[in-house]
N, C-alpha and C. Protein backbone atom coordinates (compact mmCIF):
# COMPACT_ATOMS: atom_id res chain seq x y z
N MET A 1 67.74 -55.16 100.27
CA MET A 1 68.03 -56.32 101.10
C MET A 1 69.32 -56.95 100.61
N GLU A 2 70.24 -57.15 101.51
CA GLU A 2 71.50 -57.77 101.17
C GLU A 2 71.49 -59.21 101.63
N ILE A 3 71.87 -60.10 100.73
CA ILE A 3 71.92 -61.53 101.06
C ILE A 3 73.38 -61.93 101.15
N LYS A 4 73.79 -62.44 102.31
CA LYS A 4 75.19 -62.76 102.55
C LYS A 4 75.47 -64.25 102.56
N THR A 5 74.54 -65.04 102.08
CA THR A 5 74.74 -66.48 102.12
C THR A 5 74.51 -67.07 100.73
N LYS A 6 75.17 -68.15 100.46
CA LYS A 6 74.96 -68.85 99.19
C LYS A 6 74.07 -70.06 99.40
N ASP A 7 73.63 -70.26 100.62
CA ASP A 7 72.76 -71.38 100.96
C ASP A 7 71.35 -71.07 100.49
N THR A 8 70.92 -71.69 99.40
CA THR A 8 69.61 -71.39 98.83
C THR A 8 68.46 -71.75 99.75
N ASN A 9 68.65 -72.75 100.62
CA ASN A 9 67.59 -73.10 101.57
C ASN A 9 67.34 -71.95 102.54
N SER A 10 68.39 -71.31 103.01
CA SER A 10 68.24 -70.17 103.92
C SER A 10 67.54 -69.01 103.23
N ILE A 11 67.91 -68.77 101.99
CA ILE A 11 67.28 -67.69 101.25
C ILE A 11 65.80 -67.99 101.06
N PHE A 12 65.48 -69.22 100.71
CA PHE A 12 64.10 -69.63 100.51
C PHE A 12 63.30 -69.45 101.80
N LEU A 13 63.85 -69.89 102.92
CA LEU A 13 63.15 -69.78 104.20
C LEU A 13 62.96 -68.31 104.58
N SER A 14 63.96 -67.50 104.33
CA SER A 14 63.86 -66.08 104.64
C SER A 14 62.77 -65.42 103.81
N ARG A 15 62.73 -65.73 102.54
CA ARG A 15 61.72 -65.16 101.66
C ARG A 15 60.33 -65.61 102.10
N ASN A 16 60.17 -66.90 102.43
CA ASN A 16 58.88 -67.40 102.89
C ASN A 16 58.46 -66.72 104.19
N SER A 17 59.40 -66.51 105.09
CA SER A 17 59.11 -65.85 106.35
C SER A 17 58.60 -64.44 106.11
N THR A 18 59.23 -63.71 105.19
CA THR A 18 58.81 -62.35 104.86
C THR A 18 57.44 -62.36 104.23
N GLU A 19 57.20 -63.26 103.31
CA GLU A 19 55.89 -63.36 102.66
C GLU A 19 54.81 -63.71 103.67
N GLU A 20 55.12 -64.61 104.58
CA GLU A 20 54.15 -65.00 105.61
C GLU A 20 53.84 -63.80 106.51
N HIS A 21 54.87 -63.05 106.88
CA HIS A 21 54.66 -61.85 107.71
C HIS A 21 53.76 -60.86 106.98
N ASN A 22 54.01 -60.63 105.69
CA ASN A 22 53.20 -59.69 104.92
C ASN A 22 51.75 -60.16 104.85
N GLN A 23 51.54 -61.45 104.67
CA GLN A 23 50.17 -61.97 104.63
C GLN A 23 49.47 -61.81 105.98
N ASN A 24 50.21 -62.03 107.07
CA ASN A 24 49.62 -61.86 108.40
C ASN A 24 49.26 -60.39 108.64
N LYS A 25 50.14 -59.49 108.23
CA LYS A 25 49.89 -58.06 108.39
C LYS A 25 48.66 -57.65 107.58
N GLN A 26 48.56 -58.12 106.35
CA GLN A 26 47.42 -57.80 105.51
C GLN A 26 46.13 -58.34 106.12
N LYS A 27 46.19 -59.55 106.65
CA LYS A 27 45.01 -60.17 107.25
C LYS A 27 44.59 -59.38 108.49
N LYS A 28 45.56 -59.00 109.34
CA LYS A 28 45.24 -58.22 110.54
C LYS A 28 44.56 -56.91 110.18
N LEU A 29 45.12 -56.23 109.21
CA LEU A 29 44.58 -54.94 108.83
C LEU A 29 43.18 -55.08 108.24
N ALA A 30 42.96 -56.05 107.40
CA ALA A 30 41.63 -56.28 106.82
C ALA A 30 40.63 -56.64 107.92
N GLU A 31 41.04 -57.49 108.86
CA GLU A 31 40.15 -57.86 109.96
C GLU A 31 39.78 -56.66 110.81
N LEU A 32 40.75 -55.80 111.09
CA LEU A 32 40.47 -54.59 111.87
C LEU A 32 39.50 -53.68 111.13
N ARG A 33 39.76 -53.49 109.85
CA ARG A 33 38.90 -52.62 109.04
C ARG A 33 37.46 -53.15 109.04
N ILE A 34 37.31 -54.42 108.80
CA ILE A 34 35.99 -55.03 108.71
C ILE A 34 35.29 -55.02 110.08
N SER A 35 36.04 -55.33 111.14
CA SER A 35 35.43 -55.37 112.48
C SER A 35 34.97 -53.98 112.94
N HIS A 36 35.53 -52.94 112.35
CA HIS A 36 35.10 -51.57 112.67
C HIS A 36 34.10 -51.04 111.62
N ASN A 37 33.59 -51.96 110.80
CA ASN A 37 32.60 -51.62 109.78
C ASN A 37 33.08 -50.50 108.86
N LEU A 38 34.34 -50.57 108.46
CA LEU A 38 34.91 -49.58 107.55
C LEU A 38 35.15 -50.21 106.19
N SER A 39 34.85 -49.48 105.17
CA SER A 39 35.07 -49.94 103.80
C SER A 39 36.44 -49.49 103.31
N TYR A 40 36.84 -50.01 102.16
CA TYR A 40 38.05 -49.52 101.52
C TYR A 40 37.96 -48.01 101.32
N GLU A 41 36.78 -47.57 100.90
CA GLU A 41 36.57 -46.15 100.63
C GLU A 41 36.74 -45.31 101.90
N ASP A 42 36.22 -45.82 103.02
CA ASP A 42 36.37 -45.12 104.30
C ASP A 42 37.84 -44.96 104.67
N MET A 43 38.59 -46.04 104.51
CA MET A 43 40.01 -46.00 104.86
C MET A 43 40.77 -45.05 103.93
N ALA A 44 40.44 -45.10 102.66
CA ALA A 44 41.10 -44.22 101.70
C ALA A 44 40.82 -42.76 102.03
N LYS A 45 39.58 -42.47 102.36
CA LYS A 45 39.22 -41.10 102.71
C LYS A 45 39.97 -40.67 103.98
N PHE A 46 40.04 -41.55 104.96
CA PHE A 46 40.74 -41.26 106.21
C PHE A 46 42.21 -40.91 105.96
N LEU A 47 42.83 -41.62 105.01
CA LEU A 47 44.25 -41.41 104.71
C LEU A 47 44.47 -40.37 103.61
N SER A 48 43.39 -39.86 103.05
CA SER A 48 43.46 -38.88 101.95
C SER A 48 44.20 -39.43 100.73
N ILE A 49 43.85 -40.68 100.38
CA ILE A 49 44.39 -41.31 99.19
C ILE A 49 43.23 -41.90 98.40
N SER A 50 43.50 -42.35 97.19
CA SER A 50 42.44 -42.97 96.39
C SER A 50 42.10 -44.35 96.94
N THR A 51 40.89 -44.78 96.64
CA THR A 51 40.47 -46.12 97.07
C THR A 51 41.39 -47.17 96.46
N LYS A 52 41.73 -47.00 95.20
CA LYS A 52 42.61 -47.95 94.52
C LYS A 52 43.97 -48.04 95.25
N SER A 53 44.50 -46.89 95.65
CA SER A 53 45.77 -46.88 96.38
C SER A 53 45.65 -47.61 97.70
N TYR A 54 44.55 -47.38 98.41
CA TYR A 54 44.38 -48.05 99.70
C TYR A 54 44.31 -49.57 99.51
N ILE A 55 43.53 -50.00 98.56
CA ILE A 55 43.39 -51.44 98.31
C ILE A 55 44.75 -52.06 98.02
N ARG A 56 45.54 -51.41 97.17
CA ARG A 56 46.87 -51.93 96.84
C ARG A 56 47.76 -52.01 98.09
N LYS A 57 47.62 -51.04 98.97
CA LYS A 57 48.42 -51.04 100.20
C LYS A 57 47.96 -52.15 101.14
N GLU A 58 46.66 -52.29 101.33
CA GLU A 58 46.17 -53.34 102.22
C GLU A 58 46.53 -54.72 101.69
N GLN A 59 46.56 -54.87 100.39
CA GLN A 59 46.90 -56.16 99.79
C GLN A 59 48.41 -56.40 99.73
N GLY A 60 49.19 -55.41 100.16
CA GLY A 60 50.64 -55.57 100.18
C GLY A 60 51.32 -55.34 98.85
N LYS A 61 50.60 -54.82 97.88
CA LYS A 61 51.19 -54.57 96.56
C LYS A 61 52.04 -53.31 96.56
N THR A 62 51.70 -52.36 97.42
CA THR A 62 52.52 -51.17 97.65
C THR A 62 52.60 -50.95 99.15
N SER A 63 53.54 -50.14 99.57
CA SER A 63 53.77 -49.93 101.00
C SER A 63 53.03 -48.71 101.53
N PHE A 64 52.64 -48.80 102.79
CA PHE A 64 52.10 -47.64 103.47
C PHE A 64 53.24 -46.69 103.79
N LYS A 65 52.97 -45.40 103.76
CA LYS A 65 53.93 -44.42 104.24
C LYS A 65 53.96 -44.55 105.76
N LEU A 66 55.07 -44.19 106.36
CA LEU A 66 55.21 -44.32 107.81
C LEU A 66 54.10 -43.57 108.54
N GLN A 67 53.81 -42.35 108.11
CA GLN A 67 52.76 -41.57 108.78
C GLN A 67 51.40 -42.26 108.67
N GLU A 68 51.13 -42.90 107.54
CA GLU A 68 49.86 -43.62 107.37
C GLU A 68 49.73 -44.76 108.38
N THR A 69 50.85 -45.45 108.63
CA THR A 69 50.79 -46.56 109.58
C THR A 69 50.47 -46.05 110.99
N PHE A 70 50.99 -44.89 111.35
CA PHE A 70 50.68 -44.32 112.66
C PHE A 70 49.23 -43.87 112.74
N TRP A 71 48.73 -43.28 111.68
CA TRP A 71 47.32 -42.85 111.66
C TRP A 71 46.39 -44.06 111.79
N ILE A 72 46.72 -45.13 111.08
CA ILE A 72 45.90 -46.35 111.14
C ILE A 72 45.94 -46.93 112.56
N SER A 73 47.11 -46.98 113.14
CA SER A 73 47.25 -47.49 114.52
C SER A 73 46.38 -46.68 115.47
N GLU A 74 46.43 -45.38 115.33
CA GLU A 74 45.63 -44.50 116.18
C GLU A 74 44.13 -44.70 115.94
N LEU A 75 43.74 -44.84 114.69
CA LEU A 75 42.34 -45.05 114.34
C LEU A 75 41.77 -46.28 115.06
N PHE A 76 42.54 -47.36 115.05
CA PHE A 76 42.07 -48.61 115.63
C PHE A 76 42.43 -48.77 117.11
N GLY A 77 43.11 -47.78 117.68
CA GLY A 77 43.47 -47.85 119.09
C GLY A 77 44.44 -48.97 119.40
N ARG A 78 45.31 -49.25 118.44
CA ARG A 78 46.30 -50.32 118.59
C ARG A 78 47.70 -49.73 118.51
N ARG A 79 48.63 -50.43 119.12
CA ARG A 79 50.03 -50.02 118.98
C ARG A 79 50.47 -50.33 117.54
N PHE A 80 51.36 -49.50 117.06
CA PHE A 80 51.92 -49.65 115.72
C PHE A 80 52.42 -51.08 115.49
N ASP A 81 53.16 -51.61 116.44
CA ASP A 81 53.77 -52.94 116.27
C ASP A 81 52.74 -54.06 116.23
N GLU A 82 51.58 -53.86 116.83
CA GLU A 82 50.55 -54.89 116.81
C GLU A 82 49.99 -55.10 115.40
N ILE A 83 50.05 -54.07 114.60
CA ILE A 83 49.50 -54.16 113.25
C ILE A 83 50.59 -54.37 112.21
N PHE A 84 51.68 -53.63 112.33
CA PHE A 84 52.62 -53.53 111.22
C PHE A 84 53.97 -54.22 111.40
N LEU A 85 54.30 -54.66 112.60
CA LEU A 85 55.61 -55.29 112.79
C LEU A 85 55.46 -56.78 113.02
N GLN A 86 56.47 -57.51 112.60
CA GLN A 86 56.48 -58.96 112.75
C GLN A 86 56.64 -59.32 114.21
N THR A 87 55.84 -60.27 114.65
CA THR A 87 55.94 -60.72 116.05
C THR A 87 56.37 -62.16 116.12
């Protein structure tokens, strides 16, 4: 990420906006998983990753691979942008 301004208020607002987006994305994904009665283990198995890796991804500590985001979108019958992109 390149920051082209020296205005610390703008930087602060931008960072907060990104953090808020990440929290909304995490909340959406957790709500979808729970509403479909899926556990962390179910999601991990679906993506062929460890449960620990899935939890870290859902919590925003690590990123999903692009292909994983498409698989998740397909699983829940949602468009990619509805789950993973800022609106």
